[in-house]
């Protein structure tokens, strides 16, 4: 019985780690893609950047809306600030809302 309880606890910890880790993995991939978009956006197409970021968020199932996104451009410097909340079911019947923030500041190549 003692061994069964230990195995259940280990399984619960592994499941929670996987679920939370996968959400963070998605966030870091999204942040990396936003950085690439900001860095390689042509100066003539800078006004399209917010739409591209929102499209990327939709493709990656990131719950980002236009109100949670701010893009500024000063000459060659592009700054992207975004925040969103993701609902994570850590264990069955135990979930939490997790807040994520993206801050990317890059110099464009053109």
PDB file of N, CA and C in Angstrom:
ATOM      1  N   UNK A   1       0.824  -1.194   0.000  1.00  0.00           N
ATOM      2  CA  UNK A   1       0.000   0.000   0.000  1.00  0.00           C
ATOM      3  C   UNK A   1       0.868   1.257   0.000  1.00  0.00           C
ATOM      4  N   UNK A   2       1.933   1.234   0.763  1.00  0.00           N
ATOM      5  CA  UNK A   2       2.834   2.368   0.850  1.00  0.00           C
ATOM      6  C   UNK A   2       3.496   2.640  -0.510  1.00  0.00           C
ATOM      7  N   UNK A   3       3.856   1.590  -1.198  1.00  0.00           N
ATOM      8  CA  UNK A   3       4.477   1.720  -2.510  1.00  0.00           C
ATOM      9  C   UNK A   3       3.489   2.290  -3.524  1.00  0.00           C
ATOM     10  N   UNK A   4       2.244   1.885  -3.443  1.00  0.00           N
ATOM     11  CA  UNK A   4       1.216   2.387  -4.348  1.00  0.00           C
ATOM     12  C   UNK A   4       1.005   3.888  -4.162  1.00  0.00           C
ATOM     13  N   UNK A   5       0.991   4.334  -2.931  1.00  0.00           N
ATOM     14  CA  UNK A   5       0.824   5.760  -2.646  1.00  0.00           C
ATOM     15  C   UNK A   5       2.015   6.541  -3.208  1.00  0.00           C
ATOM     16  N   UNK A   6       3.206   6.015  -3.020  1.00  0.00           N
ATOM     17  CA  UNK A   6       4.401   6.680  -3.549  1.00  0.00           C
ATOM     18  C   UNK A   6       4.342   6.766  -5.079  1.00  0.00           C
ATOM     19  N   UNK A   7       3.909   5.700  -5.719  1.00  0.00           N
ATOM     20  CA  UNK A   7       3.799   5.706  -7.171  1.00  0.00           C
ATOM     21  C   UNK A   7       2.750   6.704  -7.653  1.00  0.00           C
ATOM     22  N   UNK A   8       1.642   6.799  -6.920  1.00  0.00           N
ATOM     23  CA  UNK A   8       0.612   7.774  -7.282  1.00  0.00           C
ATOM     24  C   UNK A   8       1.119   9.212  -7.128  1.00  0.00           C
ATOM     25  N   UNK A   9       1.868   9.464  -6.072  1.00  0.00           N
ATOM     26  CA  UNK A   9       2.437  10.796  -5.867  1.00  0.00           C
ATOM     27  C   UNK A   9       3.440  11.121  -6.971  1.00  0.00           C
ATOM     28  N   UNK A  10       4.282  10.176  -7.312  1.00  0.00           N
ATOM     29  CA  UNK A  10       5.260  10.384  -8.386  1.00  0.00           C
ATOM     30  C   UNK A  10       4.544  10.627  -9.711  1.00  0.00           C
ATOM     31  N   UNK A  11       3.509   9.857  -9.992  1.00  0.00           N
ATOM     32  CA  UNK A  11       2.749  10.038 -11.226  1.00  0.00           C
ATOM     33  C   UNK A  11       2.090  11.419 -11.270  1.00  0.00           C
ATOM     34  N   UNK A  12       1.557  11.869 -10.142  1.00  0.00           N
ATOM     35  CA  UNK A  12       0.922  13.189 -10.086  1.00  0.00           C
ATOM     36  C   UNK A  12       1.950  14.297 -10.319  1.00  0.00           C
ATOM     37  N   UNK A  13       3.119  14.165  -9.729  1.00  0.00           N
ATOM     38  CA  UNK A  13       4.171  15.161  -9.916  1.00  0.00           C
ATOM     39  C   UNK A  13       4.628  15.190 -11.374  1.00  0.00           C
ATOM     40  N   UNK A  14       4.800  14.028 -11.967  1.00  0.00           N
ATOM     41  CA  UNK A  14       5.218  13.969 -13.369  1.00  0.00           C
ATOM     42  C   UNK A  14       4.152  14.566 -14.296  1.00  0.00           C
ATOM     43  N   UNK A  15       2.891  14.270 -14.045  1.00  0.00           N
ATOM     44  CA  UNK A  15       1.811  14.810 -14.857  1.00  0.00           C
ATOM     45  C   UNK A  15       1.751  16.338 -14.743  1.00  0.00           C
ATOM     46  N   UNK A  16       1.844  16.845 -13.524  1.00  0.00           N
ATOM     47  CA  UNK A  16       1.813  18.292 -13.317  1.00  0.00           C
ATOM     48  C   UNK A  16       3.013  18.966 -13.977  1.00  0.00           C
ATOM     49  N   UNK A  17       4.172  18.354 -13.853  1.00  0.00           N
ATOM     50  CA  UNK A  17       5.375  18.903 -14.478  1.00  0.00           C
ATOM     51  C   UNK A  17       5.229  18.942 -15.986  1.00  0.00           C
ATOM     52  N   UNK A  18       4.690  17.890 -16.563  1.00  0.00           N
ATOM     53  CA  UNK A  18       4.486  17.845 -18.007  1.00  0.00           C
ATOM     54  C   UNK A  18       3.508  18.926 -18.468  1.00  0.00           C
ATOM     55  N   UNK A  19       2.393  19.064 -17.773  1.00  0.00           N
ATOM     56  CA  UNK A  19       1.377  20.026 -18.195  1.00  0.00           C
ATOM     57  C   UNK A  19       1.869  21.471 -18.067  1.00  0.00           C
ATOM     58  N   UNK A  20       2.504  21.796 -16.962  1.00  0.00           N
ATOM     59  CA  UNK A  20       3.016  23.153 -16.779  1.00  0.00           C
ATOM     60  C   UNK A  20       4.201  23.393 -17.713  1.00  0.00           C
ATOM     61  N   UNK A  21       5.059  22.408 -17.843  1.00  0.00           N
ATOM     62  CA  UNK A  21       6.219  22.545 -18.721  1.00  0.00           C
ATOM     63  C   UNK A  21       5.835  22.744 -20.169  1.00  0.00           C
ATOM     64  N   UNK A  22       4.797  22.053 -20.629  1.00  0.00           N
ATOM     65  CA  UNK A  22       4.392  22.203 -22.025  1.00  0.00           C
ATOM     66  C   UNK A  22       3.819  23.597 -22.284  1.00  0.00           C
ATOM     67  N   UNK A  23       3.149  24.183 -21.299  1.00  0.00           N
ATOM     68  CA  UNK A  23       2.626  25.541 -21.450  1.00  0.00           C
ATOM     69  C   UNK A  23       3.781  26.541 -21.534  1.00  0.00           C
ATOM     70  N   UNK A  24       4.784  26.369 -20.684  1.00  0.00           N
ATOM     71  CA  UNK A  24       5.954  27.242 -20.742  1.00  0.00           C
ATOM     72  C   UNK A  24       6.722  27.038 -22.043  1.00  0.00           C
ATOM     73  N   UNK A  25       6.817  25.810 -22.516  1.00  0.00           N
ATOM     74  CA  UNK A  25       7.490  25.525 -23.773  1.00  0.00           C
ATOM     75  C   UNK A  25       6.796  26.287 -24.919  1.00  0.00           C
ATOM     76  N   UNK A  26       5.460  26.245 -24.938  1.00  0.00           N
ATOM     77  CA  UNK A  26       4.705  26.979 -25.959  1.00  0.00           C
ATOM     78  C   UNK A  26       4.977  28.480 -25.860  1.00  0.00           C
ATOM     79  N   UNK A  27       5.035  28.990 -24.637  1.00  0.00           N
ATOM     80  CA  UNK A  27       5.284  30.415 -24.438  1.00  0.00           C
ATOM     81  C   UNK A  27       6.662  30.810 -24.974  1.00  0.00           C
ATOM     82  N   UNK A  28       7.676  30.037 -24.665  1.00  0.00           N
ATOM     83  CA  UNK A  28       9.021  30.389 -25.116  1.00  0.00           C
ATOM     84  C   UNK A  28       9.161  30.254 -26.631  1.00  0.00           C
ATOM     85  N   UNK A  29       8.485  29.299 -27.235  1.00  0.00           N
ATOM     86  CA  UNK A  29       8.490  29.195 -28.691  1.00  0.00           C
ATOM     87  C   UNK A  29       7.792  30.407 -29.312  1.00  0.00           C
ATOM     88  N   UNK A  30       6.684  30.817 -28.727  1.00  0.00           N
ATOM     89  CA  UNK A  30       5.964  31.989 -29.211  1.00  0.00           C
ATOM     90  C   UNK A  30       6.839  33.235 -29.103  1.00  0.00           C
ATOM     91  N   UNK A  31       7.478  33.403 -27.964  1.00  0.00           N
ATOM     92  CA  UNK A  31       8.346  34.558 -27.757  1.00  0.00           C
ATOM     93  C   UNK A  31       9.489  34.585 -28.772  1.00  0.00           C
ATOM     94  N   UNK A  32      10.062  33.434 -29.062  1.00  0.00           N
ATOM     95  CA  UNK A  32      11.131  33.343 -30.050  1.00  0.00           C
ATOM     96  C   UNK A  32      10.632  33.706 -31.445  1.00  0.00           C
ATOM     97  N   UNK A  33       9.451  33.229 -31.809  1.00  0.00           N
ATOM     98  CA  UNK A  33       8.880  33.550 -33.118  1.00  0.00           C
ATOM     99  C   UNK A  33       8.546  35.039 -33.229  1.00  0.00           C
ATOM    100  N   UNK A  34       8.067  35.637 -32.146  1.00  0.00           N
ATOM    101  CA  UNK A  34       7.783  37.075 -32.143  1.00  0.00           C
ATOM    102  C   UNK A  34       9.077  37.854 -32.340  1.00  0.00           C
ATOM    103  N   UNK A  35      10.135  37.409 -31.702  1.00  0.00           N
ATOM    104  CA  UNK A  35      11.431  38.075 -31.855  1.00  0.00           C
ATOM    105  C   UNK A  35      11.898  38.021 -33.308  1.00  0.00           C
ATOM    106  N   UNK A  36      11.743  36.869 -33.944  1.00  0.00           N
ATOM    107  CA  UNK A  36      12.118  36.742 -35.354  1.00  0.00           C
ATOM    108  C   UNK A  36      11.266  37.640 -36.237  1.00  0.00           C
ATOM    109  N   UNK A  37       9.964  37.647 -35.997  1.00  0.00           N
ATOM    110  CA  UNK A  37       9.085  38.507 -36.791  1.00  0.00           C
ATOM    111  C   UNK A  37       9.477  39.969 -36.657  1.00  0.00           C
ATOM    112  N   UNK A  38       9.749  40.408 -35.435  1.00  0.00           N
ATOM    113  CA  UNK A  38      10.097  41.805 -35.200  1.00  0.00           C
ATOM    114  C   UNK A  38      11.439  42.156 -35.836  1.00  0.00           C
ATOM    115  N   UNK A  39      12.369  41.265 -35.757  1.00  0.00           N
ATOM    116  CA  UNK A  39      13.712  41.556 -36.252  1.00  0.00           C
ATOM    117  C   UNK A  39      13.772  41.593 -37.780  1.00  0.00           C
ATOM    118  N   UNK A  40      13.016  40.747 -38.432  1.00  0.00           N
ATOM    119  CA  UNK A  40      13.110  40.638 -39.880  1.00  0.00           C
ATOM    120  C   UNK A  40      11.957  41.305 -40.629  1.00  0.00           C
ATOM    121  N   UNK A  41      11.196  42.151 -39.943  1.00  0.00           N
ATOM    122  CA  UNK A  41      10.125  42.880 -40.608  1.00  0.00           C
ATOM    123  C   UNK A  41      10.714  44.068 -41.356  1.00  0.00           C
ATOM    124  N   UNK A  42      10.331  44.177 -42.603  1.00  0.00           N
ATOM    125  CA  UNK A  42      10.782  45.271 -43.443  1.00  0.00           C
ATOM    126  C   UNK A  42      10.194  46.586 -42.929  1.00  0.00           C
ATOM    127  N   UNK A  43      10.948  47.639 -43.038  1.00  0.00           N
ATOM    128  CA  UNK A  43      10.502  48.948 -42.562  1.00  0.00           C
ATOM    129  C   UNK A  43       9.199  49.373 -43.244  1.00  0.00           C
ATOM    130  N   UNK A  44       9.030  49.002 -44.499  1.00  0.00           N
ATOM    131  CA  UNK A  44       7.826  49.377 -45.237  1.00  0.00           C
ATOM    132  C   UNK A  44       6.598  48.576 -44.813  1.00  0.00           C
ATOM    133  N   UNK A  45       6.813  47.452 -44.134  1.00  0.00           N
ATOM    134  CA  UNK A  45       5.702  46.595 -43.712  1.00  0.00           C
ATOM    135  C   UNK A  45       5.560  46.538 -42.189  1.00  0.00           C
ATOM    136  N   UNK A  46       6.102  47.525 -41.503  1.00  0.00           N
ATOM    137  CA  UNK A  46       6.074  47.524 -40.037  1.00  0.00           C
ATOM    138  C   UNK A  46       4.658  47.602 -39.487  1.00  0.00           C
ATOM    139  N   UNK A  47       3.740  48.249 -40.197  1.00  0.00           N
ATOM    140  CA  UNK A  47       2.358  48.369 -39.715  1.00  0.00           C
ATOM    141  C   UNK A  47       1.627  47.038 -39.751  1.00  0.00           C
ATOM    142  N   UNK A  48       2.168  46.054 -40.476  1.00  0.00           N
ATOM    143  CA  UNK A  48       1.553  44.729 -40.540  1.00  0.00           C
ATOM    144  C   UNK A  48       1.997  43.812 -39.405  1.00  0.00           C
ATOM    145  N   UNK A  49       2.981  44.233 -38.646  1.00  0.00           N
ATOM    146  CA  UNK A  49       3.550  43.389 -37.587  1.00  0.00           C
ATOM    147  C   UNK A  49       2.522  42.962 -36.529  1.00  0.00           C
ATOM    148  N   UNK A  50       1.671  43.850 -36.005  1.00  0.00           N
ATOM    149  CA  UNK A  50       0.685  43.377 -35.016  1.00  0.00           C
ATOM    150  C   UNK A  50      -0.229  42.285 -35.558  1.00  0.00           C
ATOM    151  N   UNK A  51      -0.654  42.420 -36.803  1.00  0.00           N
ATOM    152  CA  UNK A  51      -1.503  41.392 -37.412  1.00  0.00           C
ATOM    153  C   UNK A  51      -0.770  40.065 -37.553  1.00  0.00           C
ATOM    154  N   UNK A  52       0.498  40.131 -37.917  1.00  0.00           N
ATOM    155  CA  UNK A  52       1.293  38.909 -38.049  1.00  0.00           C
ATOM    156  C   UNK A  52       1.469  38.226 -36.693  1.00  0.00           C
ATOM    157  N   UNK A  53       1.667  39.026 -35.650  1.00  0.00           N
ATOM    158  CA  UNK A  53       1.836  38.461 -34.308  1.00  0.00           C
ATOM    159  C   UNK A  53       0.539  37.812 -33.843  1.00  0.00           C
ATOM    160  N   UNK A  54      -0.587  38.469 -34.092  1.00  0.00           N
ATOM    161  CA  UNK A  54      -1.877  37.886 -33.701  1.00  0.00           C
ATOM    162  C   UNK A  54      -2.168  36.612 -34.487  1.00  0.00           C
ATOM    163  N   UNK A  55      -1.801  36.583 -35.769  1.00  0.00           N
ATOM    164  CA  UNK A  55      -1.964  35.362 -36.563  1.00  0.00           C
ATOM    165  C   UNK A  55      -1.101  34.233 -36.012  1.00  0.00           C
ATOM    166  N   UNK A  56       0.130  34.570 -35.646  1.00  0.00           N
ATOM    167  CA  UNK A  56       1.028  33.575 -35.071  1.00  0.00           C
ATOM    168  C   UNK A  56       0.465  33.028 -33.765  1.00  0.00           C
ATOM    169  N   UNK A  57      -0.067  33.914 -32.930  1.00  0.00           N
ATOM    170  CA  UNK A  57      -0.666  33.480 -31.661  1.00  0.00           C
ATOM    171  C   UNK A  57      -1.824  32.536 -31.905  1.00  0.00           C
ATOM    172  N   UNK A  58      -2.631  32.842 -32.908  1.00  0.00           N
ATOM    173  CA  UNK A  58      -3.768  31.977 -33.214  1.00  0.00           C
ATOM    174  C   UNK A  58      -3.289  30.609 -33.696  1.00  0.00           C
ATOM    175  N   UNK A  59      -2.265  30.572 -34.537  1.00  0.00           N
ATOM    176  CA  UNK A  59      -1.731  29.302 -35.034  1.00  0.00           C
ATOM    177  C   UNK A  59      -1.159  28.448 -33.910  1.00  0.00           C
ATOM    178  N   UNK A  60      -0.570  29.110 -32.905  1.00  0.00           N
ATOM    179  CA  UNK A  60       0.068  28.378 -31.811  1.00  0.00           C
ATOM    180  C   UNK A  60      -0.855  28.172 -30.618  1.00  0.00           C
ATOM    181  N   UNK A  61      -2.130  28.516 -30.764  1.00  0.00           N
ATOM    182  CA  UNK A  61      -3.125  28.397 -29.684  1.00  0.00           C
ATOM    183  C   UNK A  61      -2.744  29.205 -28.451  1.00  0.00           C
ATOM    184  N   UNK A  62      -2.208  30.387 -28.674  1.00  0.00           N
ATOM    185  CA  UNK A  62      -1.892  31.316 -27.592  1.00  0.00           C
ATOM    186  C   UNK A  62      -3.068  32.291 -27.496  1.00  0.00           C
ATOM    187  N   UNK A  63      -3.693  32.428 -26.327  1.00  0.00           N
ATOM    188  CA  UNK A  63      -4.884  33.283 -26.210  1.00  0.00           C
ATOM    189  C   UNK A  63      -4.549  34.773 -26.106  1.00  0.00           C
ATOM    190  N   UNK A  64      -3.963  35.313 -27.163  1.00  0.00           N
ATOM    191  CA  UNK A  64      -3.576  36.723 -27.200  1.00  0.00           C
ATOM    192  C   UNK A  64      -4.586  37.490 -28.025  1.00  0.00           C
ATOM    193  N   UNK A  65      -5.034  38.625 -27.499  1.00  0.00           N
ATOM    194  CA  UNK A  65      -5.942  39.476 -28.259  1.00  0.00           C
ATOM    195  C   UNK A  65      -5.274  40.828 -28.508  1.00  0.00           C
ATOM    196  N   UNK A  66      -5.901  41.647 -29.320  1.00  0.00           N
ATOM    197  CA  UNK A  66      -5.310  42.924 -29.723  1.00  0.00           C
ATOM    198  C   UNK A  66      -5.105  43.869 -28.536  1.00  0.00           C
ATOM    199  N   UNK A  67      -5.942  43.765 -27.516  1.00  0.00           N
ATOM    200  CA  UNK A  67      -5.788  44.642 -26.349  1.00  0.00           C
ATOM    201  C   UNK A  67      -4.543  44.301 -25.537  1.00  0.00           C
ATOM    202  N   UNK A  68      -4.086  43.062 -25.626  1.00  0.00           N
ATOM    203  CA  UNK A  68      -2.914  42.637 -24.870  1.00  0.00           C
ATOM    204  C   UNK A  68      -1.622  42.771 -25.639  1.00  0.00           C
ATOM    205  N   UNK A  69      -1.647  43.499 -26.772  1.00  0.00           N
ATOM    206  CA  UNK A  69      -0.480  43.604 -27.634  1.00  0.00           C
ATOM    207  C   UNK A  69      -0.159  45.066 -27.912  1.00  0.00           C
ATOM    208  N   UNK A  70       1.110  45.427 -27.763  1.00  0.00           N
ATOM    209  CA  UNK A  70       1.579  46.778 -28.086  1.00  0.00           C
ATOM    210  C   UNK A  70       2.874  46.656 -28.875  1.00  0.00           C
ATOM    211  N   UNK A  71       2.905  47.294 -30.043  1.00  0.00           N
ATOM    212  CA  UNK A  71       4.092  47.282 -30.896  1.00  0.00           C
ATOM    213  C   UNK A  71       4.489  48.721 -31.153  1.00  0.00           C
ATOM    214  N   UNK A  72       5.738  49.052 -30.860  1.00  0.00           N
ATOM    215  CA  UNK A  72       6.253  50.390 -31.137  1.00  0.00           C
ATOM    216  C   UNK A  72       7.505  50.281 -31.994  1.00  0.00           C
ATOM    217  N   UNK A  73       7.678  51.277 -32.833  1.00  0.00           N
ATOM    218  CA  UNK A  73       8.855  51.302 -33.699  1.00  0.00           C
ATOM    219  C   UNK A  73       9.460  52.695 -33.652  1.00  0.00           C
ATOM    220  N   UNK A  74      10.745  52.750 -33.336  1.00  0.00           N
ATOM    221  CA  UNK A  74      11.497  53.995 -33.330  1.00  0.00           C
ATOM    222  C   UNK A  74      12.731  53.776 -34.197  1.00  0.00           C
ATOM    223  N   UNK A  75      12.690  54.310 -35.386  1.00  0.00           N
ATOM    224  CA  UNK A  75      13.735  54.139 -36.394  1.00  0.00           C
ATOM    225  C   UNK A  75      13.980  52.657 -36.638  1.00  0.00           C
ATOM    226  N   UNK A  76      15.082  52.109 -36.166  1.00  0.00           N
ATOM    227  CA  UNK A  76      15.379  50.689 -36.401  1.00  0.00           C
ATOM    228  C   UNK A  76      15.040  49.804 -35.207  1.00  0.00           C
ATOM    229  N   UNK A  77      14.601  50.381 -34.110  1.00  0.00           N
ATOM    230  CA  UNK A  77      14.283  49.607 -32.903  1.00  0.00           C
ATOM    231  C   UNK A  77      12.791  49.276 -32.865  1.00  0.00           C
ATOM    232  N   UNK A  78      12.490  47.992 -32.724  1.00  0.00           N
ATOM    233  CA  UNK A  78      11.102  47.533 -32.620  1.00  0.00           C
ATOM    234  C   UNK A  78      10.923  46.913 -31.239  1.00  0.00           C
ATOM    235  N   UNK A  79       9.871  47.328 -30.548  1.00  0.00           N
ATOM    236  CA  UNK A  79       9.561  46.797 -29.226  1.00  0.00           C
ATOM    237  C   UNK A  79       8.163  46.196 -29.258  1.00  0.00           C
ATOM    238  N   UNK A  80       8.068  44.972 -28.777  1.00  0.00           N
ATOM    239  CA  UNK A  80       6.787  44.277 -28.713  1.00  0.00           C
ATOM    240  C   UNK A  80       6.524  43.910 -27.261  1.00  0.00           C
ATOM    241  N   UNK A  81       5.395  44.335 -26.754  1.00  0.00           N
ATOM    242  CA  UNK A  81       4.951  43.954 -25.415  1.00  0.00           C
ATOM    243  C   UNK A  81       3.600  43.273 -25.546  1.00  0.00           C
ATOM    244  N   UNK A  82       3.491  42.106 -24.970  1.00  0.00           N
ATOM    245  CA  UNK A  82       2.243  41.357 -25.028  1.00  0.00           C
ATOM    246  C   UNK A  82       2.039  40.631 -23.709  1.00  0.00           C
ATOM    247  N   UNK A  83       0.785  40.459 -23.351  1.00  0.00           N
ATOM    248  CA  UNK A  83       0.479  39.671 -22.155  1.00  0.00           C
ATOM    249  C   UNK A  83      -0.812  38.903 -22.402  1.00  0.00           C
ATOM    250  N   UNK A  84      -0.860  37.730 -21.821  1.00  0.00           N
ATOM    251  CA  UNK A  84      -2.034  36.882 -21.964  1.00  0.00           C
ATOM    252  C   UNK A  84      -2.118  35.947 -20.771  1.00  0.00           C
ATOM    253  N   UNK A  85      -3.302  35.414 -20.569  1.00  0.00           N
ATOM    254  CA  UNK A  85      -3.550  34.486 -19.466  1.00  0.00           C
ATOM    255  C   UNK A  85      -3.953  33.157 -20.070  1.00  0.00           C
ATOM    256  N   UNK A  86      -3.357  32.107 -19.563  1.00  0.00           N
ATOM    257  CA  UNK A  86      -3.667  30.767 -20.058  1.00  0.00           C
ATOM    258  C   UNK A  86      -4.171  29.899 -18.911  1.00  0.00           C
ATOM    259  N   UNK A  87      -5.251  29.215 -19.151  1.00  0.00           N
ATOM    260  CA  UNK A  87      -5.835  28.316 -18.154  1.00  0.00           C
ATOM    261  C   UNK A  87      -5.131  26.961 -18.244  1.00  0.00           C
ATOM    262  N   UNK A  88      -4.536  26.526 -17.146  1.00  0.00           N
ATOM    263  CA  UNK A  88      -3.766  25.280 -17.126  1.00  0.00           C
ATOM    264  C   UNK A  88      -4.399  24.321 -16.126  1.00  0.00           C
ATOM    265  N   UNK A  89      -4.739  23.135 -16.605  1.00  0.00           N
ATOM    266  CA  UNK A  89      -5.232  22.094 -15.709  1.00  0.00           C
ATOM    267  C   UNK A  89      -4.009  21.299 -15.250  1.00  0.00           C
ATOM    268  N   UNK A  90      -3.556  21.577 -14.048  1.00  0.00           N
ATOM    269  CA  UNK A  90      -2.333  20.969 -13.538  1.00  0.00           C
ATOM    270  C   UNK A  90      -2.565  19.498 -13.219  1.00  0.00           C
ATOM    271  N   UNK A  91      -3.604  19.230 -12.490  1.00  0.00           N
ATOM    272  CA  UNK A  91      -4.037  17.870 -12.175  1.00  0.00           C
ATOM    273  C   UNK A  91      -5.542  17.809 -12.387  1.00  0.00           C
ATOM    274  N   UNK A  92      -6.090  16.640 -12.524  1.00  0.00           N
ATOM    275  CA  UNK A  92      -7.556  16.576 -12.644  1.00  0.00           C
ATOM    276  C   UNK A  92      -8.239  17.288 -11.474  1.00  0.00           C
ATOM    277  N   UNK A  93      -9.173  18.156 -11.808  1.00  0.00           N
ATOM    278  CA  UNK A  93      -9.923  18.964 -10.839  1.00  0.00           C
ATOM    279  C   UNK A  93      -9.075  20.003 -10.113  1.00  0.00           C
ATOM    280  N   UNK A  94      -7.875  20.285 -10.603  1.00  0.00           N
ATOM    281  CA  UNK A  94      -7.025  21.323 -10.028  1.00  0.00           C
ATOM    282  C   UNK A  94      -6.410  22.109 -11.179  1.00  0.00           C
ATOM    283  N   UNK A  95      -6.924  23.323 -11.370  1.00  0.00           N
ATOM    284  CA  UNK A  95      -6.424  24.143 -12.461  1.00  0.00           C
ATOM    285  C   UNK A  95      -6.124  25.549 -11.958  1.00  0.00           C
ATOM    286  N   UNK A  96      -5.406  26.275 -12.799  1.00  0.00           N
ATOM    287  CA  UNK A  96      -4.973  27.609 -12.416  1.00  0.00           C
ATOM    288  C   UNK A  96      -4.827  28.453 -13.664  1.00  0.00           C
ATOM    289  N   UNK A  97      -5.085  29.748 -13.538  1.00  0.00           N
ATOM    290  CA  UNK A  97      -4.811  30.684 -14.622  1.00  0.00           C
ATOM    291  C   UNK A  97      -3.385  31.184 -14.473  1.00  0.00           C
ATOM    292  N   UNK A  98      -2.634  31.077 -15.556  1.00  0.00           N
ATOM    293  CA  UNK A  98      -1.222  31.460 -15.554  1.00  0.00           C
ATOM    294  C   UNK A  98      -1.061  32.676 -16.447  1.00  0.00           C
ATOM    295  N   UNK A  99      -0.425  33.712 -15.928  1.00  0.00           N
ATOM    296  CA  UNK A  99      -0.221  34.925 -16.707  1.00  0.00           C
ATOM    297  C   UNK A  99       1.174  34.914 -17.326  1.00  0.00           C
ATOM    298  N   UNK A 100       1.222  35.219 -18.622  1.00  0.00           N
ATOM    299  CA  UNK A 100       2.482  35.263 -19.346  1.00  0.00           C
ATOM    300  C   UNK A 100       2.677  36.649 -19.935  1.00  0.00           C
ATOM    301  N   UNK A 101       3.919  37.078 -20.009  1.00  0.00           N
ATOM    302  CA  UNK A 101       4.253  38.370 -20.606  1.00  0.00           C
ATOM    303  C   UNK A 101       5.393  38.178 -21.597  1.00  0.00           C
ATOM    304  N   UNK A 102       5.273  38.855 -22.711  1.00  0.00           N
ATOM    305  CA  UNK A 102       6.301  38.833 -23.738  1.00  0.00           C
ATOM    306  C   UNK A 102       6.834  40.249 -23.871  1.00  0.00           C
ATOM    307  N   UNK A 103       8.137  40.395 -23.767  1.00  0.00           N
ATOM    308  CA  UNK A 103       8.778  41.683 -24.016  1.00  0.00           C
ATOM    309  C   UNK A 103       9.952  41.422 -24.948  1.00  0.00           C
ATOM    310  N   UNK A 104       9.855  41.956 -26.146  1.00  0.00           N
ATOM    311  CA  UNK A 104      10.899  41.771 -27.153  1.00  0.00           C
ATOM    312  C   UNK A 104      11.313  43.152 -27.628  1.00  0.00           C
ATOM    313  N   UNK A 105      12.600  43.415 -27.602  1.00  0.00           N
ATOM    314  CA  UNK A 105      13.148  44.668 -28.114  1.00  0.00           C
ATOM    315  C   UNK A 105      14.334  44.315 -28.993  1.00  0.00           C
ATOM    316  N   UNK A 106      14.204  44.617 -30.276  1.00  0.00           N
ATOM    317  CA  UNK A 106      15.244  44.234 -31.234  1.00  0.00           C
ATOM    318  C   UNK A 106      15.562  45.396 -32.167  1.00  0.00           C
ATOM    319  N   UNK A 107      16.740  45.322 -32.764  1.00  0.00           N
ATOM    320  CA  UNK A 107      17.099  46.225 -33.838  1.00  0.00           C
ATOM    321  C   UNK A 107      16.858  45.491 -35.144  1.00  0.00           C
ATOM    322  N   UNK A 108      16.139  46.143 -36.046  1.00  0.00           N
ATOM    323  CA  UNK A 108      15.844  45.514 -37.316  1.00  0.00           C
ATOM    324  C   UNK A 108      17.070  45.557 -38.221  1.00  0.00           C
ATOM    325  N   UNK A 109      17.101  44.673 -39.166  1.00  0.00           N
ATOM    326  CA  UNK A 109      18.233  44.598 -40.073  1.00  0.00           C
ATOM    327  C   UNK A 109      18.119  45.571 -41.232  1.00  0.00           C
ATOM    328  N   UNK A 110      16.924  46.105 -41.449  1.00  0.00           N
ATOM    329  CA  UNK A 110      16.757  47.052 -42.551  1.00  0.00           C
ATOM    330  C   UNK A 110      15.928  48.232 -42.130  1.00  0.00           C
TER     331      UNK A 110
END
